[in-house]
């Protein structure tokens, strides 16, 4: 996974989703940042966040891309400045 933050300028961060767990009223995504630093992060998604994520995934353009990812073994990701 690639991440960006406005606080880091143009620095691109690479991470991996390690685990996903439901805890109380949130779903927590555990993500290890691996480049350029090593951090362990957590993102807590509340019901509204999960609902928004679910409907965003169902948009045809996104759903098509995700479906193709299951059947493709392309590992190289083209870098872009637009995300």
C-alpha atoms as a PDB file:
ATOM      1  CA  UNK A   1       0.000   0.000   0.000  1.00  0.00           C
ATOM      2  CA  UNK A   2       1.174   3.509  -0.722  1.00  0.00           C
ATOM      3  CA  UNK A   3       0.378   6.464   1.492  1.00  0.00           C
ATOM      4  CA  UNK A   4       0.904  10.182   1.389  1.00  0.00           C
ATOM      5  CA  UNK A   5       0.474  12.954   3.916  1.00  0.00           C
ATOM      6  CA  UNK A   6       0.396  16.681   3.298  1.00  0.00           C
ATOM      7  CA  UNK A   7       2.619  17.034   6.362  1.00  0.00           C
ATOM      8  CA  UNK A   8       5.372  15.022   4.656  1.00  0.00           C
ATOM      9  CA  UNK A   9       5.434  16.929   1.390  1.00  0.00           C
ATOM     10  CA  UNK A  10       5.990  14.639  -1.604  1.00  0.00           C
ATOM     11  CA  UNK A  11       7.317  11.765   0.496  1.00  0.00           C
ATOM     12  CA  UNK A  12       5.624   8.490  -0.353  1.00  0.00           C
ATOM     13  CA  UNK A  13       5.243   5.911   2.400  1.00  0.00           C
ATOM     14  CA  UNK A  14       4.898   2.173   1.844  1.00  0.00           C
ATOM     15  CA  UNK A  15       2.937  -0.041   4.197  1.00  0.00           C
ATOM     16  CA  UNK A  16       1.309  -3.441   4.645  1.00  0.00           C
ATOM     17  CA  UNK A  17      -2.034  -4.309   6.204  1.00  0.00           C
ATOM     18  CA  UNK A  18      -1.116  -6.802   8.935  1.00  0.00           C
ATOM     19  CA  UNK A  19      -4.479  -7.471  10.560  1.00  0.00           C
ATOM     20  CA  UNK A  20      -8.088  -6.317  10.775  1.00  0.00           C
ATOM     21  CA  UNK A  21     -10.073  -6.761  13.994  1.00  0.00           C
ATOM     22  CA  UNK A  22     -13.410  -5.648  15.344  1.00  0.00           C
ATOM     23  CA  UNK A  23     -12.952  -4.054  18.760  1.00  0.00           C
ATOM     24  CA  UNK A  24     -15.962  -2.587  20.556  1.00  0.00           C
ATOM     25  CA  UNK A  25     -17.697  -0.253  18.090  1.00  0.00           C
ATOM     26  CA  UNK A  26     -14.855   0.057  15.530  1.00  0.00           C
ATOM     27  CA  UNK A  27     -12.978  -2.100  13.034  1.00  0.00           C
ATOM     28  CA  UNK A  28      -9.232  -1.598  13.431  1.00  0.00           C
ATOM     29  CA  UNK A  29      -6.830  -1.936  10.514  1.00  0.00           C
ATOM     30  CA  UNK A  30      -3.294  -2.654  11.715  1.00  0.00           C
ATOM     31  CA  UNK A  31      -0.778  -1.338   9.184  1.00  0.00           C
ATOM     32  CA  UNK A  32       2.997  -1.652   9.356  1.00  0.00           C
ATOM     33  CA  UNK A  33       4.795   1.187   7.594  1.00  0.00           C
ATOM     34  CA  UNK A  34       7.953  -0.246   6.039  1.00  0.00           C
ATOM     35  CA  UNK A  35       9.494   2.600   3.969  1.00  0.00           C
ATOM     36  CA  UNK A  36      11.085   5.119   4.507  1.00  0.00           C
ATOM     37  CA  UNK A  37      10.557   4.520   8.235  1.00  0.00           C
ATOM     38  CA  UNK A  38       9.321   1.596  10.306  1.00  0.00           C
ATOM     39  CA  UNK A  39       6.106   2.398  12.174  1.00  0.00           C
ATOM     40  CA  UNK A  40       3.226   0.330  13.475  1.00  0.00           C
ATOM     41  CA  UNK A  41      -0.049   2.160  12.891  1.00  0.00           C
ATOM     42  CA  UNK A  42      -3.718   1.560  13.591  1.00  0.00           C
ATOM     43  CA  UNK A  43      -6.749   2.999  11.841  1.00  0.00           C
ATOM     44  CA  UNK A  44     -10.105   2.721  13.598  1.00  0.00           C
ATOM     45  CA  UNK A  45     -13.094   2.732  11.241  1.00  0.00           C
ATOM     46  CA  UNK A  46     -16.465   3.637  12.729  1.00  0.00           C
ATOM     47  CA  UNK A  47     -19.793   2.617  11.167  1.00  0.00           C
ATOM     48  CA  UNK A  48     -20.018   5.711   8.938  1.00  0.00           C
ATOM     49  CA  UNK A  49     -16.436   5.153   7.724  1.00  0.00           C
ATOM     50  CA  UNK A  50     -17.147   1.504   6.884  1.00  0.00           C
ATOM     51  CA  UNK A  51     -20.366   2.420   5.108  1.00  0.00           C
ATOM     52  CA  UNK A  52     -18.532   5.004   3.010  1.00  0.00           C
ATOM     53  CA  UNK A  53     -15.706   2.576   2.218  1.00  0.00           C
ATOM     54  CA  UNK A  54     -18.177  -0.147   1.228  1.00  0.00           C
ATOM     55  CA  UNK A  55     -20.086   2.106  -1.171  1.00  0.00           C
ATOM     56  CA  UNK A  56     -16.857   3.505  -2.616  1.00  0.00           C
ATOM     57  CA  UNK A  57     -15.714  -0.046  -3.411  1.00  0.00           C
ATOM     58  CA  UNK A  58     -19.041  -0.760  -5.140  1.00  0.00           C
ATOM     59  CA  UNK A  59     -18.546   2.028  -7.686  1.00  0.00           C
ATOM     60  CA  UNK A  60     -18.092   0.268 -11.052  1.00  0.00           C
ATOM     61  CA  UNK A  61     -14.623   1.686 -11.775  1.00  0.00           C
ATOM     62  CA  UNK A  62     -13.311   0.667  -8.338  1.00  0.00           C
ATOM     63  CA  UNK A  63     -15.069  -2.717  -8.299  1.00  0.00           C
ATOM     64  CA  UNK A  64     -13.623  -3.584 -11.714  1.00  0.00           C
ATOM     65  CA  UNK A  65     -10.101  -2.693 -10.573  1.00  0.00           C
ATOM     66  CA  UNK A  66     -10.427  -4.696  -7.338  1.00  0.00           C
ATOM     67  CA  UNK A  67     -11.855  -7.713  -9.172  1.00  0.00           C
ATOM     68  CA  UNK A  68      -8.965  -7.672 -11.654  1.00  0.00           C
ATOM     69  CA  UNK A  69      -6.476  -7.479  -8.772  1.00  0.00           C
ATOM     70  CA  UNK A  70      -7.659 -10.880  -7.530  1.00  0.00           C
ATOM     71  CA  UNK A  71      -6.706 -12.523 -10.826  1.00  0.00           C
ATOM     72  CA  UNK A  72      -3.564 -10.575 -11.656  1.00  0.00           C
ATOM     73  CA  UNK A  73      -0.158 -11.148 -10.144  1.00  0.00           C
ATOM     74  CA  UNK A  74       1.240  -7.789 -11.202  1.00  0.00           C
ATOM     75  CA  UNK A  75       3.468  -6.587  -8.378  1.00  0.00           C
ATOM     76  CA  UNK A  76       5.043  -3.528  -9.976  1.00  0.00           C
ATOM     77  CA  UNK A  77       2.992  -0.416  -9.294  1.00  0.00           C
ATOM     78  CA  UNK A  78       3.496   2.620 -11.471  1.00  0.00           C
ATOM     79  CA  UNK A  79       4.371   5.688  -9.434  1.00  0.00           C
ATOM     80  CA  UNK A  80       2.137   8.669  -9.874  1.00  0.00           C
ATOM     81  CA  UNK A  81       2.055  12.175  -8.480  1.00  0.00           C
ATOM     82  CA  UNK A  82      -1.724  12.382  -8.725  1.00  0.00           C
ATOM     83  CA  UNK A  83      -2.768  10.514  -5.630  1.00  0.00           C
END
